Amino acid sequence: MKIEKGSWVRIHDIVLEPDERTGQLPEDTKKVPLEMWTKGFLLQEAMVGDQVEIRTITGRRAEGTLVEANPYYEHDFGRFVPEILQIGIQLKEMLWGGEEDA
């Protein structure tokens, strides 16, 4: 599927190969490349997997492999923790002297 010019996309690029990285890194870090994922507006029509150029929201240009169109955040802050809710209630009581009417 073609992704249109101007679409919001995410690209990937290898900034440094393992042998190009500094020697002042932990051993496990030295063994892997330094990678970059960048989001921006696609400057030409392309397909996932193509080498492309983008313009970031700050106007910087970057090149890399097109990974996806319309990227979004997939993380969350985990499941509900009742103890944290109680901490909020207790803090409110300490700071403002009690509960408000509901």
PDB file of N, CA and C in Angstrom:
ATOM      1  N   MET A   1       0.842  -1.183   0.000  1.00  0.00           N
ATOM      2  CA  MET A   1       0.000   0.000   0.000  1.00  0.00           C
ATOM      3  C   MET A   1       0.891   1.252   0.000  1.00  0.00           C
ATOM      4  N   LYS A   2       0.625   2.142  -0.907  1.00  0.00           N
ATOM      5  CA  LYS A   2       1.369   3.395  -1.004  1.00  0.00           C
ATOM      6  C   LYS A   2       0.945   4.336   0.121  1.00  0.00           C
ATOM      7  N   ILE A   3       1.930   5.030   0.665  1.00  0.00           N
ATOM      8  CA  ILE A   3       1.668   6.045   1.677  1.00  0.00           C
ATOM      9  C   ILE A   3       1.911   7.396   1.011  1.00  0.00           C
ATOM     10  N   GLU A   4       0.930   8.269   1.113  1.00  0.00           N
ATOM     11  CA  GLU A   4       0.964   9.543   0.393  1.00  0.00           C
ATOM     12  C   GLU A   4       1.975  10.527   0.966  1.00  0.00           C
ATOM     13  N   LYS A   5       2.509  11.348   0.082  1.00  0.00           N
ATOM     14  CA  LYS A   5       3.380  12.448   0.464  1.00  0.00           C
ATOM     15  C   LYS A   5       2.624  13.329   1.466  1.00  0.00           C
ATOM     16  N   GLY A   6       3.315  13.773   2.506  1.00  0.00           N
ATOM     17  CA  GLY A   6       2.697  14.626   3.521  1.00  0.00           C
ATOM     18  C   GLY A   6       2.118  13.852   4.687  1.00  0.00           C
ATOM     19  N   SER A   7       2.060  12.523   4.591  1.00  0.00           N
ATOM     20  CA  SER A   7       1.522  11.707   5.690  1.00  0.00           C
ATOM     21  C   SER A   7       2.472  11.736   6.888  1.00  0.00           C
ATOM     22  N   TRP A   8       1.914  11.600   8.081  1.00  0.00           N
ATOM     23  CA  TRP A   8       2.687  11.510   9.321  1.00  0.00           C
ATOM     24  C   TRP A   8       3.192  10.079   9.422  1.00  0.00           C
ATOM     25  N   VAL A   9       4.512   9.901   9.515  1.00  0.00           N
ATOM     26  CA  VAL A   9       5.110   8.566   9.486  1.00  0.00           C
ATOM     27  C   VAL A   9       6.220   8.441  10.519  1.00  0.00           C
ATOM     28  N   ARG A  10       6.698   7.206  10.686  1.00  0.00           N
ATOM     29  CA  ARG A  10       7.856   6.922  11.538  1.00  0.00           C
ATOM     30  C   ARG A  10       8.892   6.215  10.692  1.00  0.00           C
ATOM     31  N   ILE A  11      10.166   6.649  10.847  1.00  0.00           N
ATOM     32  CA  ILE A  11      11.257   6.011  10.122  1.00  0.00           C
ATOM     33  C   ILE A  11      12.258   5.432  11.115  1.00  0.00           C
ATOM     34  N   HIS A  12      13.122   4.560  10.615  1.00  0.00           N
ATOM     35  CA  HIS A  12      14.170   3.930  11.417  1.00  0.00           C
ATOM     36  C   HIS A  12      15.485   4.061  10.670  1.00  0.00           C
ATOM     37  N   ASP A  13      16.564   4.280  11.423  1.00  0.00           N
ATOM     38  CA  ASP A  13      17.883   4.371  10.807  1.00  0.00           C
ATOM     39  C   ASP A  13      18.930   3.894  11.801  1.00  0.00           C
ATOM     40  N   ILE A  14      20.014   3.330  11.276  1.00  0.00           N
ATOM     41  CA  ILE A  14      21.165   2.970  12.097  1.00  0.00           C
ATOM     42  C   ILE A  14      22.108   4.164  12.073  1.00  0.00           C
ATOM     43  N   VAL A  15      22.341   4.763  13.235  1.00  0.00           N
ATOM     44  CA  VAL A  15      23.204   5.935  13.342  1.00  0.00           C
ATOM     45  C   VAL A  15      24.670   5.505  13.382  1.00  0.00           C
ATOM     46  N   LEU A  16      24.979   4.513  14.213  1.00  0.00           N
ATOM     47  CA  LEU A  16      26.335   3.974  14.314  1.00  0.00           C
ATOM     48  C   LEU A  16      26.292   2.462  14.387  1.00  0.00           C
ATOM     49  N   GLU A  17      27.153   1.811  13.630  1.00  0.00           N
ATOM     50  CA  GLU A  17      27.307   0.353  13.719  1.00  0.00           C
ATOM     51  C   GLU A  17      28.101   0.040  14.988  1.00  0.00           C
ATOM     52  N   PRO A  18      28.021  -1.202  15.499  1.00  0.00           N
ATOM     53  CA  PRO A  18      28.725  -1.527  16.744  1.00  0.00           C
ATOM     54  C   PRO A  18      30.214  -1.162  16.724  1.00  0.00           C
ATOM     55  N   ASP A  19      30.896  -1.383  15.604  1.00  0.00           N
ATOM     56  CA  ASP A  19      32.329  -1.092  15.551  1.00  0.00           C
ATOM     57  C   ASP A  19      32.634   0.406  15.462  1.00  0.00           C
ATOM     58  N   GLU A  20      31.627   1.234  15.270  1.00  0.00           N
ATOM     59  CA  GLU A  20      31.809   2.687  15.213  1.00  0.00           C
ATOM     60  C   GLU A  20      31.529   3.368  16.553  1.00  0.00           C
ATOM     61  N   ARG A  21      31.024   2.612  17.508  1.00  0.00           N
ATOM     62  CA  ARG A  21      30.655   3.198  18.797  1.00  0.00           C
ATOM     63  C   ARG A  21      31.870   3.365  19.691  1.00  0.00           C
ATOM     64  N   THR A  22      31.774   4.288  20.639  1.00  0.00           N
ATOM     65  CA  THR A  22      32.872   4.566  21.555  1.00  0.00           C
ATOM     66  C   THR A  22      33.186   3.356  22.429  1.00  0.00           C
ATOM     67  N   GLY A  23      34.420   3.269  22.864  1.00  0.00           N
ATOM     68  CA  GLY A  23      34.830   2.166  23.736  1.00  0.00           C
ATOM     69  C   GLY A  23      34.422   2.356  25.175  1.00  0.00           C
ATOM     70  N   GLN A  24      33.849   3.498  25.511  1.00  0.00           N
ATOM     71  CA  GLN A  24      33.483   3.800  26.898  1.00  0.00           C
ATOM     72  C   GLN A  24      32.035   3.431  27.206  1.00  0.00           C
ATOM     73  N   LEU A  25      31.568   2.360  26.603  1.00  0.00           N
ATOM     74  CA  LEU A  25      30.198   1.890  26.821  1.00  0.00           C
ATOM     75  C   LEU A  25      30.228   0.548  27.530  1.00  0.00           C
ATOM     76  N   PRO A  26      29.161   0.193  28.231  1.00  0.00           N
ATOM     77  CA  PRO A  26      29.075  -1.150  28.796  1.00  0.00           C
ATOM     78  C   PRO A  26      29.195  -2.188  27.671  1.00  0.00           C
ATOM     79  N   GLU A  27      29.732  -3.355  27.991  1.00  0.00           N
ATOM     80  CA  GLU A  27      29.985  -4.394  26.990  1.00  0.00           C
ATOM     81  C   GLU A  27      28.743  -4.761  26.183  1.00  0.00           C
ATOM     82  N   ASP A  28      27.595  -4.924  26.845  1.00  0.00           N
ATOM     83  CA  ASP A  28      26.385  -5.317  26.111  1.00  0.00           C
ATOM     84  C   ASP A  28      25.928  -4.205  25.159  1.00  0.00           C
ATOM     85  N   THR A  29      26.152  -2.947  25.519  1.00  0.00           N
ATOM     86  CA  THR A  29      25.773  -1.822  24.665  1.00  0.00           C
ATOM     87  C   THR A  29      26.678  -1.727  23.445  1.00  0.00           C
ATOM     88  N   LYS A  30      27.968  -2.001  23.623  1.00  0.00           N
ATOM     89  CA  LYS A  30      28.930  -1.945  22.517  1.00  0.00           C
ATOM     90  C   LYS A  30      28.593  -2.927  21.399  1.00  0.00           C
ATOM     91  N   LYS A  31      27.878  -3.985  21.720  1.00  0.00           N
ATOM     92  CA  LYS A  31      27.608  -5.060  20.754  1.00  0.00           C
ATOM     93  C   LYS A  31      26.462  -4.765  19.795  1.00  0.00           C
ATOM     94  N   VAL A  32      25.710  -3.707  20.049  1.00  0.00           N
ATOM     95  CA  VAL A  32      24.534  -3.422  19.219  1.00  0.00           C
ATOM     96  C   VAL A  32      24.668  -2.052  18.557  1.00  0.00           C
ATOM     97  N   PRO A  33      24.017  -1.853  17.409  1.00  0.00           N
ATOM     98  CA  PRO A  33      24.097  -0.542  16.751  1.00  0.00           C
ATOM     99  C   PRO A  33      23.308   0.516  17.520  1.00  0.00           C
ATOM    100  N   LEU A  34      23.671   1.770  17.297  1.00  0.00           N
ATOM    101  CA  LEU A  34      22.902   2.897  17.826  1.00  0.00           C
ATOM    102  C   LEU A  34      21.798   3.173  16.806  1.00  0.00           C
ATOM    103  N   GLU A  35      20.555   3.019  17.218  1.00  0.00           N
ATOM    104  CA  GLU A  35      19.420   3.143  16.307  1.00  0.00           C
ATOM    105  C   GLU A  35      18.635   4.409  16.585  1.00  0.00           C
ATOM    106  N   MET A  36      17.912   4.879  15.555  1.00  0.00           N
ATOM    107  CA  MET A  36      17.106   6.086  15.673  1.00  0.00           C
ATOM    108  C   MET A  36      15.724   5.817  15.060  1.00  0.00           C
ATOM    109  N   TRP A  37      14.696   6.203  15.764  1.00  0.00           N
ATOM    110  CA  TRP A  37      13.337   6.192  15.235  1.00  0.00           C
ATOM    111  C   TRP A  37      12.869   7.633  15.277  1.00  0.00           C
ATOM    112  N   THR A  38      12.366   8.125  14.166  1.00  0.00           N
ATOM    113  CA  THR A  38      11.968   9.532  14.071  1.00  0.00           C
ATOM    114  C   THR A  38      10.602   9.634  13.402  1.00  0.00           C
ATOM    115  N   LYS A  39       9.789  10.564  13.878  1.00  0.00           N
ATOM    116  CA  LYS A  39       8.479  10.805  13.276  1.00  0.00           C
ATOM    117  C   LYS A  39       8.516  12.113  12.507  1.00  0.00           C
ATOM    118  N   GLY A  40       7.753  12.160  11.414  1.00  0.00           N
ATOM    119  CA  GLY A  40       7.683  13.383  10.634  1.00  0.00           C
ATOM    120  C   GLY A  40       6.770  13.229   9.441  1.00  0.00           C
ATOM    121  N   PHE A  41       6.782  14.253   8.582  1.00  0.00           N
ATOM    122  CA  PHE A  41       5.935  14.267   7.396  1.00  0.00           C
ATOM    123  C   PHE A  41       6.715  13.723   6.200  1.00  0.00           C
ATOM    124  N   LEU A  42       6.146  12.764   5.522  1.00  0.00           N
ATOM    125  CA  LEU A  42       6.769  12.108   4.381  1.00  0.00           C
ATOM    126  C   LEU A  42       6.919  13.097   3.231  1.00  0.00           C
ATOM    127  N   LEU A  43       8.115  13.160   2.647  1.00  0.00           N
ATOM    128  CA  LEU A  43       8.381  14.129   1.585  1.00  0.00           C
ATOM    129  C   LEU A  43       8.160  13.571   0.182  1.00  0.00           C
ATOM    130  N   GLN A  44       7.880  12.276   0.072  1.00  0.00           N
ATOM    131  CA  GLN A  44       7.551  11.682  -1.225  1.00  0.00           C
ATOM    132  C   GLN A  44       6.676  10.454  -0.992  1.00  0.00           C
ATOM    133  N   GLU A  45       5.870  10.106  -1.967  1.00  0.00           N
ATOM    134  CA  GLU A  45       5.051   8.903  -1.865  1.00  0.00           C
ATOM    135  C   GLU A  45       5.974   7.692  -1.724  1.00  0.00           C
ATOM    136  N   ALA A  46       5.617   6.739  -0.873  1.00  0.00           N
ATOM    137  CA  ALA A  46       6.486   5.582  -0.635  1.00  0.00           C
ATOM    138  C   ALA A  46       5.679   4.432  -0.060  1.00  0.00           C
ATOM    139  N   MET A  47       6.364   3.304   0.089  1.00  0.00           N
ATOM    140  CA  MET A  47       5.783   2.116   0.711  1.00  0.00           C
ATOM    141  C   MET A  47       6.618   1.764   1.939  1.00  0.00           C
ATOM    142  N   VAL A  48       6.010   1.074   2.910  1.00  0.00           N
ATOM    143  CA  VAL A  48       6.746   0.618   4.089  1.00  0.00           C
ATOM    144  C   VAL A  48       7.941  -0.193   3.603  1.00  0.00           C
ATOM    145  N   GLY A  49       9.099   0.088   4.185  1.00  0.00           N
ATOM    146  CA  GLY A  49      10.327  -0.584   3.795  1.00  0.00           C
ATOM    147  C   GLY A  49      11.202   0.232   2.863  1.00  0.00           C
ATOM    148  N   ASP A  50      10.637   1.272   2.238  1.00  0.00           N
ATOM    149  CA  ASP A  50      11.408   2.139   1.336  1.00  0.00           C
ATOM    150  C   ASP A  50      12.303   3.085   2.138  1.00  0.00           C
ATOM    151  N   GLN A  51      13.434   3.486   1.528  1.00  0.00           N
ATOM    152  CA  GLN A  51      14.269   4.544   2.078  1.00  0.00           C
ATOM    153  C   GLN A  51      13.600   5.863   1.727  1.00  0.00           C
ATOM    154  N   VAL A  52      13.339   6.701   2.732  1.00  0.00           N
ATOM    155  CA  VAL A  52      12.602   7.941   2.518  1.00  0.00           C
ATOM    156  C   VAL A  52      13.245   9.092   3.266  1.00  0.00           C
ATOM    157  N   GLU A  53      12.749  10.279   2.971  1.00  0.00           N
ATOM    158  CA  GLU A  53      13.134  11.475   3.701  1.00  0.00           C
ATOM    159  C   GLU A  53      11.869  12.073   4.306  1.00  0.00           C
ATOM    160  N   ILE A  54      11.998  12.563   5.536  1.00  0.00           N
ATOM    161  CA  ILE A  54      10.871  13.191   6.227  1.00  0.00           C
ATOM    162  C   ILE A  54      11.287  14.568   6.713  1.00  0.00           C
ATOM    163  N   ARG A  55      10.277  15.381   7.053  1.00  0.00           N
ATOM    164  CA  ARG A  55      10.478  16.666   7.714  1.00  0.00           C
ATOM    165  C   ARG A  55       9.810  16.554   9.074  1.00  0.00           C
ATOM    166  N   THR A  56      10.581  16.731  10.142  1.00  0.00           N
ATOM    167  CA  THR A  56      10.033  16.603  11.486  1.00  0.00           C
ATOM    168  C   THR A  56       9.176  17.812  11.829  1.00  0.00           C
ATOM    169  N   ILE A  57       8.489  17.739  12.933  1.00  0.00           N
ATOM    170  CA  ILE A  57       7.618  18.827  13.366  1.00  0.00           C
ATOM    171  C   ILE A  57       8.419  20.103  13.626  1.00  0.00           C
ATOM    172  N   THR A  58       9.720  19.956  13.917  1.00  0.00           N
ATOM    173  CA  THR A  58      10.572  21.127  14.144  1.00  0.00           C
ATOM    174  C   THR A  58      11.255  21.609  12.871  1.00  0.00           C
ATOM    175  N   GLY A  59      10.967  20.954  11.733  1.00  0.00           N
ATOM    176  CA  GLY A  59      11.515  21.386  10.458  1.00  0.00           C
ATOM    177  C   GLY A  59      12.809  20.699  10.047  1.00  0.00           C
ATOM    178  N   ARG A  60      13.338  19.814  10.886  1.00  0.00           N
ATOM    179  CA  ARG A  60      14.561  19.094  10.564  1.00  0.00           C
ATOM    180  C   ARG A  60      14.255  18.007   9.540  1.00  0.00           C
ATOM    181  N   ARG A  61      15.190  17.753   8.642  1.00  0.00           N
ATOM    182  CA  ARG A  61      15.034  16.673   7.670  1.00  0.00           C
ATOM    183  C   ARG A  61      15.794  15.457   8.160  1.00  0.00           C
ATOM    184  N   ALA A  62      15.212  14.273   7.959  1.00  0.00           N
ATOM    185  CA  ALA A  62      15.856  13.027   8.365  1.00  0.00           C
ATOM    186  C   ALA A  62      15.564  11.967   7.309  1.00  0.00           C
ATOM    187  N   GLU A  63      16.495  11.030   7.166  1.00  0.00           N
ATOM    188  CA  GLU A  63      16.335   9.933   6.221  1.00  0.00           C
ATOM    189  C   GLU A  63      16.358   8.615   6.967  1.00  0.00           C
ATOM    190  N   GLY A  64      15.632   7.642   6.443  1.00  0.00           N
ATOM    191  CA  GLY A  64      15.630   6.317   7.040  1.00  0.00           C
ATOM    192  C   GLY A  64      14.652   5.413   6.326  1.00  0.00           C
ATOM    193  N   THR A  65      14.464   4.234   6.895  1.00  0.00           N
ATOM    194  CA  THR A  65      13.540   3.248   6.346  1.00  0.00           C
ATOM    195  C   THR A  65      12.144   3.512   6.887  1.00  0.00           C
ATOM    196  N   LEU A  66      11.181   3.622   6.006  1.00  0.00           N
ATOM    197  CA  LEU A  66       9.797   3.866   6.407  1.00  0.00           C
ATOM    198  C   LEU A  66       9.263   2.661   7.168  1.00  0.00           C
ATOM    199  N   VAL A  67       8.819   2.894   8.396  1.00  0.00           N
ATOM    200  CA  VAL A  67       8.352   1.823   9.277  1.00  0.00           C
ATOM    201  C   VAL A  67       6.828   1.748   9.323  1.00  0.00           C
ATOM    202  N   GLU A  68       6.171   2.909   9.477  1.00  0.00           N
ATOM    203  CA  GLU A  68       4.718   2.905   9.578  1.00  0.00           C
ATOM    204  C   GLU A  68       4.146   4.283   9.305  1.00  0.00           C
ATOM    205  N   ALA A  69       2.888   4.290   8.918  1.00  0.00           N
ATOM    206  CA  ALA A  69       2.139   5.529   8.745  1.00  0.00           C
ATOM    207  C   ALA A  69       1.252   5.743   9.963  1.00  0.00           C
ATOM    208  N   ASN A  70       1.013   6.988  10.296  1.00  0.00           N
ATOM    209  CA  ASN A  70       0.150   7.362  11.421  1.00  0.00           C
ATOM    210  C   ASN A  70       0.546   6.657  12.721  1.00  0.00           C
ATOM    211  N   PRO A  71       1.817   6.773  13.130  1.00  0.00           N
ATOM    212  CA  PRO A  71       2.247   6.108  14.365  1.00  0.00           C
ATOM    213  C   PRO A  71       1.549   6.702  15.584  1.00  0.00           C
ATOM    214  N   TYR A  72       1.409   5.889  16.605  1.00  0.00           N
ATOM    215  CA  TYR A  72       0.782   6.344  17.842  1.00  0.00           C
ATOM    216  C   TYR A  72       1.455   5.662  19.022  1.00  0.00           C
ATOM    217  N   TYR A  73       1.252   6.217  20.209  1.00  0.00           N
ATOM    218  CA  TYR A  73       1.832   5.646  21.417  1.00  0.00           C
ATOM    219  C   TYR A  73       1.022   4.437  21.838  1.00  0.00           C
ATOM    220  N   GLU A  74       1.707   3.353  22.160  1.00  0.00           N
ATOM    221  CA  GLU A  74       1.039   2.122  22.563  1.00  0.00           C
ATOM    222  C   GLU A  74       1.251   1.803  24.038  1.00  0.00           C
ATOM    223  N   HIS A  75       2.018   2.626  24.747  1.00  0.00           N
ATOM    224  CA  HIS A  75       2.315   2.316  26.139  1.00  0.00           C
ATOM    225  C   HIS A  75       1.186   2.792  27.060  1.00  0.00           C
ATOM    226  N   ASP A  76       1.200   2.288  28.274  1.00  0.00           N
ATOM    227  CA  ASP A  76       0.290   2.770  29.301  1.00  0.00           C
ATOM    228  C   ASP A  76       1.032   2.736  30.633  1.00  0.00           C
ATOM    229  N   PHE A  77       0.349   3.043  31.687  1.00  0.00           N
ATOM    230  CA  PHE A  77       0.980   3.087  32.992  1.00  0.00           C
ATOM    231  C   PHE A  77       0.576   1.901  33.862  1.00  0.00           C
ATOM    232  N   GLY A  78       0.135   0.835  33.229  1.00  0.00           N
ATOM    233  CA  GLY A  78      -0.179  -0.386  33.958  1.00  0.00           C
ATOM    234  C   GLY A  78      -1.600  -0.415  34.495  1.00  0.00           C
ATOM    235  N   ARG A  79      -1.868  -1.443  35.260  1.00  0.00           N
ATOM    236  CA  ARG A  79      -3.195  -1.652  35.839  1.00  0.00           C
ATOM    237  C   ARG A  79      -3.440  -0.726  37.031  1.00  0.00           C
ATOM    238  N   PHE A  80      -4.700  -0.582  37.360  1.00  0.00           N
ATOM    239  CA  PHE A  80      -5.121   0.231  38.491  1.00  0.00           C
ATOM    240  C   PHE A  80      -4.508  -0.318  39.777  1.00  0.00           C
ATOM    241  N   VAL A  81      -3.989   0.585  40.632  1.00  0.00           N
ATOM    242  CA  VAL A  81      -3.398   0.204  41.917  1.00  0.00           C
ATOM    243  C   VAL A  81      -4.173   0.934  43.008  1.00  0.00           C
ATOM    244  N   PRO A  82      -5.015   0.194  43.764  1.00  0.00           N
ATOM    245  CA  PRO A  82      -5.863   0.835  44.777  1.00  0.00           C
ATOM    246  C   PRO A  82      -5.072   1.627  45.813  1.00  0.00           C
ATOM    247  N   GLU A  83      -3.875   1.157  46.158  1.00  0.00           N
ATOM    248  CA  GLU A  83      -3.067   1.841  47.169  1.00  0.00           C
ATOM    249  C   GLU A  83      -2.707   3.262  46.719  1.00  0.00           C
ATOM    250  N   ILE A  84      -2.482   3.446  45.442  1.00  0.00           N
ATOM    251  CA  ILE A  84      -2.141   4.781  44.948  1.00  0.00           C
ATOM    252  C   ILE A  84      -3.334   5.721  45.073  1.00  0.00           C
ATOM    253  N   LEU A  85      -4.530   5.215  44.861  1.00  0.00           N
ATOM    254  CA  LEU A  85      -5.731   6.025  45.042  1.00  0.00           C
ATOM    255  C   LEU A  85      -5.841   6.481  46.499  1.00  0.00           C
ATOM    256  N   GLN A  86      -5.568   5.584  47.432  1.00  0.00           N
ATOM    257  CA  GLN A  86      -5.626   5.933  48.852  1.00  0.00           C
ATOM    258  C   GLN A  86      -4.573   6.967  49.214  1.00  0.00           C
ATOM    259  N   ILE A  87      -3.386   6.880  48.602  1.00  0.00           N
ATOM    260  CA  ILE A  87      -2.343   7.883  48.854  1.00  0.00           C
ATOM    261  C   ILE A  87      -2.846   9.260  48.458  1.00  0.00           C
ATOM    262  N   GLY A  88      -3.524   9.351  47.314  1.00  0.00           N
ATOM    263  CA  GLY A  88      -4.069  10.633  46.867  1.00  0.00           C
ATOM    264  C   GLY A  88      -5.088  11.193  47.842  1.00  0.00           C
ATOM    265  N   ILE A  89      -5.948  10.342  48.349  1.00  0.00           N
ATOM    266  CA  ILE A  89      -6.969  10.774  49.315  1.00  0.00           C
ATOM    267  C   ILE A  89      -6.299  11.246  50.603  1.00  0.00           C
ATOM    268  N   GLN A  90      -5.325  10.475  51.101  1.00  0.00           N
ATOM    269  CA  GLN A  90      -4.624  10.847  52.330  1.00  0.00           C
ATOM    270  C   GLN A  90      -3.867  12.163  52.156  1.00  0.00           C
ATOM    271  N   LEU A  91      -3.226  12.350  51.019  1.00  0.00           N
ATOM    272  CA  LEU A  91      -2.482  13.579  50.763  1.00  0.00           C
ATOM    273  C   LEU A  91      -3.427  14.781  50.750  1.00  0.00           C
ATOM    274  N   LYS A  92      -4.587  14.614  50.133  1.00  0.00           N
ATOM    275  CA  LYS A  92      -5.575  15.693  50.085  1.00  0.00           C
ATOM    276  C   LYS A  92      -6.022  16.069  51.500  1.00  0.00           C
ATOM    277  N   GLU A  93      -6.234  15.073  52.350  1.00  0.00           N
ATOM    278  CA  GLU A  93      -6.636  15.342  53.735  1.00  0.00           C
ATOM    279  C   GLU A  93      -5.544  16.086  54.488  1.00  0.00           C
ATOM    280  N   MET A  94      -4.266  15.679  54.273  1.00  0.00           N
ATOM    281  CA  MET A  94      -3.159  16.341  54.971  1.00  0.00           C
ATOM    282  C   MET A  94      -2.985  17.785  54.497  1.00  0.00           C
ATOM    283  N   LEU A  95      -3.150  18.022  53.229  1.00  0.00           N
ATOM    284  CA  LEU A  95      -2.914  19.361  52.687  1.00  0.00           C
ATOM    285  C   LEU A  95      -4.082  20.311  52.895  1.00  0.00           C
ATOM    286  N   TRP A  96      -5.303  19.814  52.748  1.00  0.00           N
ATOM    287  CA  TRP A  96      -6.456  20.696  52.782  1.00  0.00           C
ATOM    288  C   TRP A  96      -7.466  20.364  53.861  1.00  0.00           C
ATOM    289  N   GLY A  97      -7.152  19.443  54.723  1.00  0.00           N
ATOM    290  CA  GLY A  97      -7.954  19.198  55.899  1.00  0.00           C
ATOM    291  C   GLY A  97      -9.216  18.416  55.701  1.00  0.00           C
ATOM    292  N   GLY A  98      -9.327  17.578  54.729  1.00  0.00           N
ATOM    293  CA  GLY A  98     -10.497  16.721  54.629  1.00  0.00           C
ATOM    294  C   GLY A  98     -11.037  16.588  53.229  1.00  0.00           C
ATOM    295  N   GLU A  99     -12.074  15.790  53.143  1.00  0.00           N
ATOM    296  CA  GLU A  99     -12.687  15.515  51.835  1.00  0.00           C
ATOM    297  C   GLU A  99     -13.675  16.611  51.456  1.00  0.00           C
ATOM    298  N   GLU A 100     -13.825  16.824  50.171  1.00  0.00           N
ATOM    299  CA  GLU A 100     -14.852  17.734  49.684  1.00  0.00           C
ATOM    300  C   GLU A 100     -16.154  16.969  49.573  1.00  0.00           C
ATOM    301  N   ASP A 101     -17.274  17.693  49.552  1.00  0.00           N
ATOM    302  CA  ASP A 101     -18.568  17.027  49.353  1.00  0.00           C
ATOM    303  C   ASP A 101     -18.600  16.484  47.949  1.00  0.00           C
ATOM    304  N   ALA A 102     -19.087  15.280  47.812  1.00  0.00           N
ATOM    305  CA  ALA A 102     -19.175  14.663  46.492  1.00  0.00           C
ATOM    306  C   ALA A 102     -20.457  15.026  45.806  1.00  0.00           C
TER     307      ALA A 102
END
